[in-house]
PDB file of N, CA and C in Angstrom:
ATOM      1  N   UNK A   1       0.846  -1.181   0.000  1.00  0.00           N
ATOM      2  CA  UNK A   1       0.000   0.000   0.000  1.00  0.00           C
ATOM      3  C   UNK A   1       0.887   1.238   0.000  1.00  0.00           C
ATOM      4  N   UNK A   2       0.569   2.190  -0.847  1.00  0.00           N
ATOM      5  CA  UNK A   2       1.323   3.434  -0.939  1.00  0.00           C
ATOM      6  C   UNK A   2       0.406   4.582  -0.519  1.00  0.00           C
ATOM      7  N   UNK A   3       0.883   5.426   0.382  1.00  0.00           N
ATOM      8  CA  UNK A   3       0.126   6.602   0.802  1.00  0.00           C
ATOM      9  C   UNK A   3       0.845   7.843   0.305  1.00  0.00           C
ATOM     10  N   UNK A   4       0.286   8.536  -0.690  1.00  0.00           N
ATOM     11  CA  UNK A   4       0.935   9.749  -1.194  1.00  0.00           C
ATOM     12  C   UNK A   4       0.856  10.861  -0.144  1.00  0.00           C
ATOM     13  N   UNK A   5       1.916  11.644  -0.032  1.00  0.00           N
ATOM     14  CA  UNK A   5       1.998  12.675   0.998  1.00  0.00           C
ATOM     15  C   UNK A   5       1.609  14.045   0.460  1.00  0.00           C
ATOM     16  N   UNK A   6       1.853  14.326  -0.784  1.00  0.00           N
ATOM     17  CA  UNK A   6       1.564  15.642  -1.342  1.00  0.00           C
ATOM     18  C   UNK A   6       0.657  15.513  -2.561  1.00  0.00           C
ATOM     19  N   UNK A   7       0.090  16.640  -2.985  1.00  0.00           N
ATOM     20  CA  UNK A   7      -0.759  16.629  -4.176  1.00  0.00           C
ATOM     21  C   UNK A   7       0.038  16.194  -5.400  1.00  0.00           C
ATOM     22  N   UNK A   8       1.286  16.593  -5.476  1.00  0.00           N
ATOM     23  CA  UNK A   8       2.113  16.207  -6.622  1.00  0.00           C
ATOM     24  C   UNK A   8       2.288  14.693  -6.674  1.00  0.00           C
ATOM     25  N   UNK A   9       2.447  14.071  -5.496  1.00  0.00           N
ATOM     26  CA  UNK A   9       2.576  12.612  -5.437  1.00  0.00           C
ATOM     27  C   UNK A   9       1.273  11.929  -5.846  1.00  0.00           C
ATOM     28  N   UNK A  10       0.135  12.482  -5.403  1.00  0.00           N
ATOM     29  CA  UNK A  10      -1.166  11.944  -5.814  1.00  0.00           C
ATOM     30  C   UNK A  10      -1.293  11.987  -7.330  1.00  0.00           C
ATOM     31  N   UNK A  11      -0.960  13.140  -7.919  1.00  0.00           N
ATOM     32  CA  UNK A  11      -1.051  13.286  -9.375  1.00  0.00           C
ATOM     33  C   UNK A  11      -0.137  12.308 -10.096  1.00  0.00           C
ATOM     34  N   UNK A  12       1.054  12.140  -9.584  1.00  0.00           N
ATOM     35  CA  UNK A  12       2.009  11.244 -10.223  1.00  0.00           C
ATOM     36  C   UNK A  12       1.521   9.802 -10.168  1.00  0.00           C
ATOM     37  N   UNK A  13       1.020   9.386  -9.005  1.00  0.00           N
ATOM     38  CA  UNK A  13       0.569   7.999  -8.838  1.00  0.00           C
ATOM     39  C   UNK A  13      -0.691   7.699  -9.637  1.00  0.00           C
ATOM     40  N   UNK A  14      -1.536   8.702  -9.842  1.00  0.00           N
ATOM     41  CA  UNK A  14      -2.788   8.485 -10.572  1.00  0.00           C
ATOM     42  C   UNK A  14      -2.707   8.952 -12.020  1.00  0.00           C
ATOM     43  N   UNK A  15      -1.484   9.274 -12.461  1.00  0.00           N
ATOM     44  CA  UNK A  15      -1.262   9.772 -13.817  1.00  0.00           C
ATOM     45  C   UNK A  15      -2.071  11.042 -14.079  1.00  0.00           C
ATOM     46  N   UNK A  16      -2.193  11.878 -13.046  1.00  0.00           N
ATOM     47  CA  UNK A  16      -2.922  13.137 -13.166  1.00  0.00           C
ATOM     48  C   UNK A  16      -2.053  14.213 -13.779  1.00  0.00           C
ATOM     49  N   UNK A  17      -2.565  15.406 -13.777  1.00  0.00           N
ATOM     50  CA  UNK A  17      -1.877  16.555 -14.372  1.00  0.00           C
ATOM     51  C   UNK A  17      -0.859  17.109 -13.387  1.00  0.00           C
ATOM     52  N   UNK A  18       0.383  16.687 -13.498  1.00  0.00           N
ATOM     53  CA  UNK A  18       1.397  17.179 -12.567  1.00  0.00           C
ATOM     54  C   UNK A  18       1.745  18.636 -12.827  1.00  0.00           C
ATOM     55  N   UNK A  19       1.446  19.157 -14.000  1.00  0.00           N
ATOM     56  CA  UNK A  19       1.753  20.559 -14.299  1.00  0.00           C
ATOM     57  C   UNK A  19       0.869  21.499 -13.492  1.00  0.00           C
ATOM     58  N   UNK A  20      -0.339  21.079 -13.126  1.00  0.00           N
ATOM     59  CA  UNK A  20      -1.258  21.933 -12.373  1.00  0.00           C
ATOM     60  C   UNK A  20      -1.302  21.626 -10.896  1.00  0.00           C
ATOM     61  N   UNK A  21      -0.304  20.930 -10.385  1.00  0.00           N
ATOM     62  CA  UNK A  21      -0.338  20.475  -8.997  1.00  0.00           C
ATOM     63  C   UNK A  21      -0.307  21.632  -8.005  1.00  0.00           C
ATOM     64  N   UNK A  22       0.314  22.750  -8.342  1.00  0.00           N
ATOM     65  CA  UNK A  22       0.473  23.849  -7.389  1.00  0.00           C
ATOM     66  C   UNK A  22      -0.872  24.436  -6.952  1.00  0.00           C
ATOM     67  N   UNK A  23      -1.767  24.706  -7.883  1.00  0.00           N
ATOM     68  CA  UNK A  23      -3.083  25.262  -7.542  1.00  0.00           C
ATOM     69  C   UNK A  23      -3.876  24.280  -6.695  1.00  0.00           C
ATOM     70  N   UNK A  24      -3.780  22.996  -7.020  1.00  0.00           N
ATOM     71  CA  UNK A  24      -4.487  21.985  -6.245  1.00  0.00           C
ATOM     72  C   UNK A  24      -3.880  21.848  -4.854  1.00  0.00           C
ATOM     73  N   UNK A  25      -2.568  21.971  -4.751  1.00  0.00           N
ATOM     74  CA  UNK A  25      -1.907  21.885  -3.453  1.00  0.00           C
ATOM     75  C   UNK A  25      -2.362  23.037  -2.548  1.00  0.00           C
ATOM     76  N   UNK A  26      -2.430  24.236  -3.084  1.00  0.00           N
ATOM     77  CA  UNK A  26      -2.890  25.395  -2.310  1.00  0.00           C
ATOM     78  C   UNK A  26      -4.337  25.194  -1.867  1.00  0.00           C
ATOM     79  N   UNK A  27      -5.204  24.727  -2.756  1.00  0.00           N
ATOM     80  CA  UNK A  27      -6.604  24.483  -2.406  1.00  0.00           C
ATOM     81  C   UNK A  27      -6.711  23.424  -1.310  1.00  0.00           C
ATOM     82  N   UNK A  28      -5.902  22.377  -1.394  1.00  0.00           N
ATOM     83  CA  UNK A  28      -5.921  21.338  -0.364  1.00  0.00           C
ATOM     84  C   UNK A  28      -5.484  21.863   0.990  1.00  0.00           C
ATOM     85  N   UNK A  29      -4.426  22.672   1.017  1.00  0.00           N
ATOM     86  CA  UNK A  29      -3.966  23.266   2.274  1.00  0.00           C
ATOM     87  C   UNK A  29      -5.026  24.212   2.843  1.00  0.00           C
ATOM     88  N   UNK A  30      -5.672  24.981   1.979  1.00  0.00           N
ATOM     89  CA  UNK A  30      -6.736  25.876   2.441  1.00  0.00           C
ATOM     90  C   UNK A  30      -7.928  25.090   2.987  1.00  0.00           C
ATOM     91  N   UNK A  31      -8.236  23.935   2.398  1.00  0.00           N
ATOM     92  CA  UNK A  31      -9.327  23.103   2.898  1.00  0.00           C
ATOM     93  C   UNK A  31      -9.007  22.608   4.310  1.00  0.00           C
ATOM     94  N   UNK A  32      -7.763  22.219   4.541  1.00  0.00           N
ATOM     95  CA  UNK A  32      -7.359  21.806   5.892  1.00  0.00           C
ATOM     96  C   UNK A  32      -7.457  22.971   6.867  1.00  0.00           C
ATOM     97  N   UNK A  33      -7.041  24.164   6.430  1.00  0.00           N
ATOM     98  CA  UNK A  33      -7.145  25.362   7.284  1.00  0.00           C
ATOM     99  C   UNK A  33      -8.598  25.694   7.588  1.00  0.00           C
ATOM    100  N   UNK A  34      -9.467  25.506   6.604  1.00  0.00           N
ATOM    101  CA  UNK A  34     -10.890  25.766   6.806  1.00  0.00           C
ATOM    102  C   UNK A  34     -11.438  24.882   7.928  1.00  0.00           C
ATOM    103  N   UNK A  35     -11.146  23.587   7.881  1.00  0.00           N
ATOM    104  CA  UNK A  35     -11.640  22.669   8.910  1.00  0.00           C
ATOM    105  C   UNK A  35     -11.034  23.014  10.272  1.00  0.00           C
ATOM    106  N   UNK A  36      -9.747  23.337  10.304  1.00  0.00           N
ATOM    107  CA  UNK A  36      -9.131  23.755  11.564  1.00  0.00           C
ATOM    108  C   UNK A  36      -9.815  25.003  12.112  1.00  0.00           C
ATOM    109  N   UNK A  37     -10.143  25.952  11.231  1.00  0.00           N
ATOM    110  CA  UNK A  37     -10.819  27.173  11.645  1.00  0.00           C
ATOM    111  C   UNK A  37     -12.218  26.910  12.163  1.00  0.00           C
ATOM    112  N   UNK A  38     -12.949  26.004  11.509  1.00  0.00           N
ATOM    113  CA  UNK A  38     -14.277  25.635  11.987  1.00  0.00           C
ATOM    114  C   UNK A  38     -14.194  24.978  13.356  1.00  0.00           C
ATOM    115  N   UNK A  39     -13.236  24.086  13.517  1.00  0.00           N
ATOM    116  CA  UNK A  39     -13.068  23.385  14.787  1.00  0.00           C
ATOM    117  C   UNK A  39     -12.724  24.365  15.912  1.00  0.00           C
ATOM    118  N   UNK A  40     -11.872  25.342  15.615  1.00  0.00           N
ATOM    119  CA  UNK A  40     -11.425  26.297  16.633  1.00  0.00           C
ATOM    120  C   UNK A  40     -12.396  27.463  16.812  1.00  0.00           C
ATOM    121  N   UNK A  41     -13.395  27.585  15.926  1.00  0.00           N
ATOM    122  CA  UNK A  41     -14.340  28.689  16.011  1.00  0.00           C
ATOM    123  C   UNK A  41     -13.760  30.023  15.582  1.00  0.00           C
ATOM    124  N   UNK A  42     -12.727  30.010  14.750  1.00  0.00           N
ATOM    125  CA  UNK A  42     -12.093  31.251  14.293  1.00  0.00           C
ATOM    126  C   UNK A  42     -13.013  32.038  13.374  1.00  0.00           C
ATOM    127  N   UNK A  43     -12.975  33.347  13.503  1.00  0.00           N
ATOM    128  CA  UNK A  43     -13.816  34.222  12.698  1.00  0.00           C
ATOM    129  C   UNK A  43     -13.441  34.140  11.221  1.00  0.00           C
ATOM    130  N   UNK A  44     -12.136  34.133  10.917  1.00  0.00           N
ATOM    131  CA  UNK A  44     -11.694  34.093   9.515  1.00  0.00           C
ATOM    132  C   UNK A  44     -11.542  32.672   8.983  1.00  0.00           C
ATOM    133  N   UNK A  45     -11.811  31.676   9.830  1.00  0.00           N
ATOM    134  CA  UNK A  45     -11.722  30.253   9.480  1.00  0.00           C
ATOM    135  C   UNK A  45     -10.348  29.855   8.950  1.00  0.00           C
ATOM    136  N   UNK A  46      -9.330  30.616   9.296  1.00  0.00           N
ATOM    137  CA  UNK A  46      -7.982  30.288   8.872  1.00  0.00           C
ATOM    138  C   UNK A  46      -7.682  30.650   7.438  1.00  0.00           C
ATOM    139  N   UNK A  47      -8.594  31.362   6.786  1.00  0.00           N
ATOM    140  CA  UNK A  47      -8.429  31.682   5.371  1.00  0.00           C
ATOM    141  C   UNK A  47      -7.839  33.076   5.141  1.00  0.00           C
ATOM    142  N   UNK A  48      -7.481  33.750   6.212  1.00  0.00           N
ATOM    143  CA  UNK A  48      -6.777  35.019   6.071  1.00  0.00           C
ATOM    144  C   UNK A  48      -7.645  36.240   5.847  1.00  0.00           C
ATOM    145  N   UNK A  49      -8.936  36.095   5.878  1.00  0.00           N
ATOM    146  CA  UNK A  49      -9.813  37.244   5.678  1.00  0.00           C
ATOM    147  C   UNK A  49     -11.248  36.888   6.001  1.00  0.00           C
ATOM    148  N   UNK A  50     -12.093  37.876   6.169  1.00  0.00           N
ATOM    149  CA  UNK A  50     -13.494  37.605   6.519  1.00  0.00           C
ATOM    150  C   UNK A  50     -14.258  36.978   5.352  1.00  0.00           C
ATOM    151  N   UNK A  51     -15.242  36.179   5.710  1.00  0.00           N
ATOM    152  CA  UNK A  51     -16.125  35.572   4.713  1.00  0.00           C
ATOM    153  C   UNK A  51     -17.431  36.344   4.661  1.00  0.00           C
ATOM    154  N   UNK A  52     -18.159  36.169   3.577  1.00  0.00           N
ATOM    155  CA  UNK A  52     -19.510  36.753   3.510  1.00  0.00           C
ATOM    156  C   UNK A  52     -20.318  36.248   4.702  1.00  0.00           C
ATOM    157  N   UNK A  53     -21.147  37.100   5.269  1.00  0.00           N
ATOM    158  CA  UNK A  53     -21.919  36.756   6.463  1.00  0.00           C
ATOM    159  C   UNK A  53     -22.824  35.545   6.230  1.00  0.00           C
ATOM    160  N   UNK A  54     -23.475  35.481   5.058  1.00  0.00           N
ATOM    161  CA  UNK A  54     -24.376  34.361   4.790  1.00  0.00           C
ATOM    162  C   UNK A  54     -23.609  33.040   4.666  1.00  0.00           C
ATOM    163  N   UNK A  55     -22.443  33.080   4.037  1.00  0.00           N
ATOM    164  CA  UNK A  55     -21.620  31.877   3.914  1.00  0.00           C
ATOM    165  C   UNK A  55     -21.123  31.430   5.284  1.00  0.00           C
ATOM    166  N   UNK A  56     -20.727  32.381   6.104  1.00  0.00           N
ATOM    167  CA  UNK A  56     -20.260  32.052   7.458  1.00  0.00           C
ATOM    168  C   UNK A  56     -21.385  31.400   8.267  1.00  0.00           C
ATOM    169  N   UNK A  57     -22.601  31.922   8.190  1.00  0.00           N
ATOM    170  CA  UNK A  57     -23.741  31.338   8.911  1.00  0.00           C
ATOM    171  C   UNK A  57     -24.014  29.915   8.429  1.00  0.00           C
ATOM    172  N   UNK A  58     -23.948  29.709   7.113  1.00  0.00           N
ATOM    173  CA  UNK A  58     -24.172  28.370   6.565  1.00  0.00           C
ATOM    174  C   UNK A  58     -23.124  27.384   7.071  1.00  0.00           C
ATOM    175  N   UNK A  59     -21.866  27.803   7.075  1.00  0.00           N
ATOM    176  CA  UNK A  59     -20.791  26.929   7.559  1.00  0.00           C
ATOM    177  C   UNK A  59     -20.952  26.627   9.043  1.00  0.00           C
ATOM    178  N   UNK A  60     -21.309  27.635   9.847  1.00  0.00           N
ATOM    179  CA  UNK A  60     -21.519  27.415  11.279  1.00  0.00           C
ATOM    180  C   UNK A  60     -22.649  26.419  11.517  1.00  0.00           C
ATOM    181  N   UNK A  61     -23.757  26.567  10.783  1.00  0.00           N
ATOM    182  CA  UNK A  61     -24.885  25.651  10.936  1.00  0.00           C
ATOM    183  C   UNK A  61     -24.502  24.236  10.495  1.00  0.00           C
ATOM    184  N   UNK A  62     -23.781  24.139   9.387  1.00  0.00           N
ATOM    185  CA  UNK A  62     -23.330  22.838   8.892  1.00  0.00           C
ATOM    186  C   UNK A  62     -22.426  22.155   9.912  1.00  0.00           C
ATOM    187  N   UNK A  63     -21.453  22.903  10.439  1.00  0.00           N
ATOM    188  CA  UNK A  63     -20.489  22.337  11.389  1.00  0.00           C
ATOM    189  C   UNK A  63     -21.182  21.938  12.690  1.00  0.00           C
ATOM    190  N   UNK A  64     -22.135  22.740  13.130  1.00  0.00           N
ATOM    191  CA  UNK A  64     -22.894  22.426  14.341  1.00  0.00           C
ATOM    192  C   UNK A  64     -23.636  21.102  14.177  1.00  0.00           C
ATOM    193  N   UNK A  65     -24.255  20.905  13.008  1.00  0.00           N
ATOM    194  CA  UNK A  65     -24.954  19.657  12.727  1.00  0.00           C
ATOM    195  C   UNK A  65     -24.019  18.458  12.675  1.00  0.00           C
ATOM    196  N   UNK A  66     -22.865  18.642  12.044  1.00  0.00           N
ATOM    197  CA  UNK A  66     -21.897  17.537  11.942  1.00  0.00           C
ATOM    198  C   UNK A  66     -21.387  17.114  13.320  1.00  0.00           C
ATOM    199  N   UNK A  67     -21.062  18.081  14.159  1.00  0.00           N
ATOM    200  CA  UNK A  67     -20.527  17.746  15.489  1.00  0.00           C
ATOM    201  C   UNK A  67     -21.630  17.243  16.421  1.00  0.00           C
ATOM    202  N   UNK A  68     -22.859  17.693  16.223  1.00  0.00           N
ATOM    203  CA  UNK A  68     -23.977  17.199  17.043  1.00  0.00           C
ATOM    204  C   UNK A  68     -24.188  15.706  16.772  1.00  0.00           C
ATOM    205  N   UNK A  69     -24.117  15.307  15.531  1.00  0.00           N
ATOM    206  CA  UNK A  69     -24.324  13.900  15.160  1.00  0.00           C
ATOM    207  C   UNK A  69     -23.072  13.065  15.429  1.00  0.00           C
ATOM    208  N   UNK A  70     -21.909  13.584  15.023  1.00  0.00           N
ATOM    209  CA  UNK A  70     -20.686  12.785  15.093  1.00  0.00           C
ATOM    210  C   UNK A  70     -19.862  12.940  16.349  1.00  0.00           C
ATOM    211  N   UNK A  71     -20.082  14.008  17.103  1.00  0.00           N
ATOM    212  CA  UNK A  71     -19.261  14.262  18.286  1.00  0.00           C
ATOM    213  C   UNK A  71     -18.041  15.096  17.923  1.00  0.00           C
ATOM    214  N   UNK A  72     -17.078  15.084  18.798  1.00  0.00           N
ATOM    215  CA  UNK A  72     -15.857  15.876  18.622  1.00  0.00           C
ATOM    216  C   UNK A  72     -15.051  15.374  17.425  1.00  0.00           C
ATOM    217  N   UNK A  73     -14.475  16.314  16.660  1.00  0.00           N
ATOM    218  CA  UNK A  73     -13.621  15.957  15.533  1.00  0.00           C
ATOM    219  C   UNK A  73     -12.311  15.395  16.061  1.00  0.00           C
ATOM    220  N   UNK A  74     -11.971  14.181  15.636  1.00  0.00           N
ATOM    221  CA  UNK A  74     -10.735  13.539  16.093  1.00  0.00           C
ATOM    222  C   UNK A  74      -9.588  13.702  15.110  1.00  0.00           C
ATOM    223  N   UNK A  75      -9.873  13.598  13.802  1.00  0.00           N
ATOM    224  CA  UNK A  75      -8.800  13.721  12.824  1.00  0.00           C
ATOM    225  C   UNK A  75      -9.348  14.128  11.467  1.00  0.00           C
ATOM    226  N   UNK A  76      -8.443  14.688  10.656  1.00  0.00           N
ATOM    227  CA  UNK A  76      -8.765  15.138   9.307  1.00  0.00           C
ATOM    228  C   UNK A  76      -7.698  14.600   8.371  1.00  0.00           C
ATOM    229  N   UNK A  77      -8.112  14.072   7.236  1.00  0.00           N
ATOM    230  CA  UNK A  77      -7.160  13.577   6.243  1.00  0.00           C
ATOM    231  C   UNK A  77      -7.518  14.168   4.888  1.00  0.00           C
ATOM    232  N   UNK A  78      -6.554  14.807   4.262  1.00  0.00           N
ATOM    233  CA  UNK A  78      -6.740  15.313   2.904  1.00  0.00           C
ATOM    234  C   UNK A  78      -6.512  14.162   1.935  1.00  0.00           C
ATOM    235  N   UNK A  79      -7.557  13.799   1.190  1.00  0.00           N
ATOM    236  CA  UNK A  79      -7.443  12.699   0.239  1.00  0.00           C
ATOM    237  C   UNK A  79      -6.908  13.172  -1.106  1.00  0.00           C
ATOM    238  N   UNK A  80      -7.091  14.455  -1.405  1.00  0.00           N
ATOM    239  CA  UNK A  80      -6.578  14.999  -2.651  1.00  0.00           C
ATOM    240  C   UNK A  80      -7.456  16.118  -3.164  1.00  0.00           C
ATOM    241  N   UNK A  81      -6.986  16.772  -4.196  1.00  0.00           N
ATOM    242  CA  UNK A  81      -7.710  17.874  -4.823  1.00  0.00           C
ATOM    243  C   UNK A  81      -7.649  17.686  -6.324  1.00  0.00           C
ATOM    244  N   UNK A  82      -8.780  17.925  -6.964  1.00  0.00           N
ATOM    245  CA  UNK A  82      -8.865  17.759  -8.415  1.00  0.00           C
ATOM    246  C   UNK A  82      -9.399  19.039  -9.036  1.00  0.00           C
ATOM    247  N   UNK A  83      -9.047  19.305 -10.294  1.00  0.00           N
ATOM    248  CA  UNK A  83      -9.619  20.474 -10.964  1.00  0.00           C
ATOM    249  C   UNK A  83     -11.118  20.279 -11.149  1.00  0.00           C
ATOM    250  N   UNK A  84     -11.866  21.381 -11.028  1.00  0.00           N
ATOM    251  CA  UNK A  84     -13.313  21.329 -11.241  1.00  0.00           C
ATOM    252  C   UNK A  84     -13.658  21.402 -12.709  1.00  0.00           C
ATOM    253  N   UNK A  85     -14.920  21.538 -12.990  1.00  0.00           N
ATOM    254  CA  UNK A  85     -15.368  21.591 -14.376  1.00  0.00           C
ATOM    255  C   UNK A  85     -15.159  22.963 -15.004  1.00  0.00           C
ATOM    256  N   UNK A  86     -15.126  24.017 -14.182  1.00  0.00           N
ATOM    257  CA  UNK A  86     -14.909  25.375 -14.687  1.00  0.00           C
ATOM    258  C   UNK A  86     -13.447  25.776 -14.525  1.00  0.00           C
ATOM    259  N   UNK A  87     -12.936  26.658 -15.373  1.00  0.00           N
ATOM    260  CA  UNK A  87     -11.564  27.152 -15.189  1.00  0.00           C
ATOM    261  C   UNK A  87     -11.426  27.862 -13.836  1.00  0.00           C
ATOM    262  N   UNK A  88     -10.320  27.618 -13.152  1.00  0.00           N
ATOM    263  CA  UNK A  88     -10.069  28.243 -11.858  1.00  0.00           C
ATOM    264  C   UNK A  88     -10.765  27.558 -10.701  1.00  0.00           C
ATOM    265  N   UNK A  89     -11.451  26.437 -10.969  1.00  0.00           N
ATOM    266  CA  UNK A  89     -12.177  25.728  -9.923  1.00  0.00           C
ATOM    267  C   UNK A  89     -11.373  24.513  -9.455  1.00  0.00           C
ATOM    268  N   UNK A  90     -11.355  24.284  -8.140  1.00  0.00           N
ATOM    269  CA  UNK A  90     -10.684  23.135  -7.541  1.00  0.00           C
ATOM    270  C   UNK A  90     -11.639  22.491  -6.543  1.00  0.00           C
ATOM    271  N   UNK A  91     -11.579  21.176  -6.384  1.00  0.00           N
ATOM    272  CA  UNK A  91     -12.385  20.467  -5.397  1.00  0.00           C
ATOM    273  C   UNK A  91     -11.463  19.636  -4.520  1.00  0.00           C
ATOM    274  N   UNK A  92     -11.460  19.942  -3.230  1.00  0.00           N
ATOM    275  CA  UNK A  92     -10.667  19.186  -2.261  1.00  0.00           C
ATOM    276  C   UNK A  92     -11.579  18.193  -1.560  1.00  0.00           C
ATOM    277  N   UNK A  93     -11.074  16.976  -1.358  1.00  0.00           N
ATOM    278  CA  UNK A  93     -11.834  15.944  -0.679  1.00  0.00           C
ATOM    279  C   UNK A  93     -11.109  15.574   0.610  1.00  0.00           C
ATOM    280  N   UNK A  94     -11.822  15.705   1.736  1.00  0.00           N
ATOM    281  CA  UNK A  94     -11.263  15.415   3.051  1.00  0.00           C
ATOM    282  C   UNK A  94     -12.029  14.266   3.685  1.00  0.00           C
ATOM    283  N   UNK A  95     -11.351  13.517   4.552  1.00  0.00           N
ATOM    284  CA  UNK A  95     -12.024  12.527   5.389  1.00  0.00           C
ATOM    285  C   UNK A  95     -12.019  13.090   6.811  1.00  0.00           C
ATOM    286  N   UNK A  96     -13.215  13.304   7.363  1.00  0.00           N
ATOM    287  CA  UNK A  96     -13.351  13.803   8.722  1.00  0.00           C
ATOM    288  C   UNK A  96     -13.731  12.645   9.624  1.00  0.00           C
ATOM    289  N   UNK A  97     -12.951  12.419  10.683  1.00  0.00           N
ATOM    290  CA  UNK A  97     -13.254  11.350  11.635  1.00  0.00           C
ATOM    291  C   UNK A  97     -13.689  11.991  12.936  1.00  0.00           C
ATOM    292  N   UNK A  98     -14.957  11.766  13.287  1.00  0.00           N
ATOM    293  CA  UNK A  98     -15.521  12.256  14.531  1.00  0.00           C
ATOM    294  C   UNK A  98     -15.524  11.124  15.557  1.00  0.00           C
ATOM    295  N   UNK A  99     -15.923  11.425  16.780  1.00  0.00           N
ATOM    296  CA  UNK A  99     -15.977  10.393  17.821  1.00  0.00           C
ATOM    297  C   UNK A  99     -16.916   9.253  17.462  1.00  0.00           C
ATOM    298  N   UNK A 100     -18.067   9.586  16.881  1.00  0.00           N
ATOM    299  CA  UNK A 100     -19.075   8.559  16.607  1.00  0.00           C
ATOM    300  C   UNK A 100     -19.273   8.247  15.129  1.00  0.00           C
ATOM    301  N   UNK A 101     -18.606   8.960  14.268  1.00  0.00           N
ATOM    302  CA  UNK A 101     -18.870   8.787  12.839  1.00  0.00           C
ATOM    303  C   UNK A 101     -17.696   9.332  12.035  1.00  0.00           C
ATOM    304  N   UNK A 102     -17.647   9.000  10.776  1.00  0.00           N
ATOM    305  CA  UNK A 102     -16.685   9.620   9.865  1.00  0.00           C
ATOM    306  C   UNK A 102     -17.387   9.826   8.530  1.00  0.00           C
ATOM    307  N   UNK A 103     -16.911  10.820   7.776  1.00  0.00           N
ATOM    308  CA  UNK A 103     -17.532  11.100   6.495  1.00  0.00           C
ATOM    309  C   UNK A 103     -16.561  11.803   5.576  1.00  0.00           C
ATOM    310  N   UNK A 104     -16.922  11.831   4.298  1.00  0.00           N
ATOM    311  CA  UNK A 104     -16.159  12.589   3.314  1.00  0.00           C
ATOM    312  C   UNK A 104     -16.712  14.007   3.274  1.00  0.00           C
ATOM    313  N   UNK A 105     -15.827  14.966   3.060  1.00  0.00           N
ATOM    314  CA  UNK A 105     -16.202  16.377   3.079  1.00  0.00           C
ATOM    315  C   UNK A 105     -15.561  17.049   1.880  1.00  0.00           C
ATOM    316  N   UNK A 106     -16.379  17.514   0.960  1.00  0.00           N
ATOM    317  CA  UNK A 106     -15.884  18.196  -0.230  1.00  0.00           C
ATOM    318  C   UNK A 106     -15.850  19.694  -0.001  1.00  0.00           C
ATOM    319  N   UNK A 107     -14.761  20.330  -0.441  1.00  0.00           N
ATOM    320  CA  UNK A 107     -14.631  21.783  -0.330  1.00  0.00           C
ATOM    321  C   UNK A 107     -14.299  22.325  -1.719  1.00  0.00           C
ATOM    322  N   UNK A 108     -15.191  23.155  -2.250  1.00  0.00           N
ATOM    323  CA  UNK A 108     -15.004  23.721  -3.581  1.00  0.00           C
ATOM    324  C   UNK A 108     -14.404  25.113  -3.514  1.00  0.00           C
ATOM    325  N   UNK A 109     -13.465  25.361  -4.412  1.00  0.00           N
ATOM    326  CA  UNK A 109     -12.781  26.655  -4.490  1.00  0.00           C
ATOM    327  C   UNK A 109     -12.937  27.200  -5.895  1.00  0.00           C
ATOM    328  N   UNK A 110     -13.154  28.495  -6.016  1.00  0.00           N
ATOM    329  CA  UNK A 110     -13.239  29.144  -7.322  1.00  0.00           C
ATOM    330  C   UNK A 110     -12.321  30.356  -7.297  1.00  0.00           C
ATOM    331  N   UNK A 111     -11.299  30.340  -8.147  1.00  0.00           N
ATOM    332  CA  UNK A 111     -10.307  31.426  -8.200  1.00  0.00           C
ATOM    333  C   UNK A 111      -9.707  31.708  -6.831  1.00  0.00           C
ATOM    334  N   UNK A 112      -9.416  30.641  -6.086  1.00  0.00           N
ATOM    335  CA  UNK A 112      -8.760  30.768  -4.785  1.00  0.00           C
ATOM    336  C   UNK A 112      -9.663  31.145  -3.631  1.00  0.00           C
ATOM    337  N   UNK A 113     -10.967  31.276  -3.869  1.00  0.00           N
ATOM    338  CA  UNK A 113     -11.909  31.642  -2.811  1.00  0.00           C
ATOM    339  C   UNK A 113     -12.863  30.486  -2.552  1.00  0.00           C
ATOM    340  N   UNK A 114     -13.275  30.357  -1.296  1.00  0.00           N
ATOM    341  CA  UNK A 114     -14.223  29.317  -0.924  1.00  0.00           C
ATOM    342  C   UNK A 114     -15.535  29.507  -1.677  1.00  0.00           C
ATOM    343  N   UNK A 115     -15.989  28.459  -2.372  1.00  0.00           N
ATOM    344  CA  UNK A 115     -17.233  28.547  -3.142  1.00  0.00           C
ATOM    345  C   UNK A 115     -18.361  27.740  -2.493  1.00  0.00           C
ATOM    346  N   UNK A 116     -18.038  26.551  -1.959  1.00  0.00           N
ATOM    347  CA  UNK A 116     -19.063  25.702  -1.357  1.00  0.00           C
ATOM    348  C   UNK A 116     -18.424  24.578  -0.567  1.00  0.00           C
ATOM    349  N   UNK A 117     -19.223  23.902   0.244  1.00  0.00           N
ATOM    350  CA  UNK A 117     -18.806  22.674   0.920  1.00  0.00           C
ATOM    351  C   UNK A 117     -19.905  21.635   0.693  1.00  0.00           C
ATOM    352  N   UNK A 118     -19.512  20.360   0.704  1.00  0.00           N
ATOM    353  CA  UNK A 118     -20.466  19.269   0.525  1.00  0.00           C
ATOM    354  C   UNK A 118     -20.139  18.149   1.514  1.00  0.00           C
ATOM    355  N   UNK A 119     -20.836  18.096   2.668  1.00  0.00           N
ATOM    356  CA  UNK A 119     -20.609  16.975   3.582  1.00  0.00           C
ATOM    357  C   UNK A 119     -21.283  15.708   3.070  1.00  0.00           C
ATOM    358  N   UNK A 120     -20.712  14.583   3.442  1.00  0.00           N
ATOM    359  CA  UNK A 120     -21.336  13.305   3.116  1.00  0.00           C
ATOM    360  C   UNK A 120     -20.626  12.577   2.044  1.00  0.00           C
TER     361      UNK A 120
END
C-alpha cells in the first residue's frame, strides 16, 4: 500500500496533471485550514480574511450539525484535490473522523476563494 503525501505525489501515482499540482496543493492546504478554523471557532476560518456573512452562517450551521451527530472531531485527512469543471475551480476531498462517525467532506474553491462545501 502506498500513501501519497503531497498533491504532486497523488497526481504522479494516478497519472494526473502534474503541471497543475500547485493550484491543487494550495486548495488542499486551504481546505485543511478551513476545517481547523471551523473546529477552533475562528472568525476568519484560517483563510486570512473575513467571509460573507451568509456563507459564514451556513458553515456554522453545517459544522454544528456535523458535530452534534458525530461528536468531537478527532482527525482530518486530505485525500486529494482535483480540478473542477470550470476554469479556476478546484475540489478538495477530506475525510473527517468524529468520535461517533466519519464522512467525506468536499470543499469547492473558485479562483482561490471558498465557493461551497459538501458533507457526506
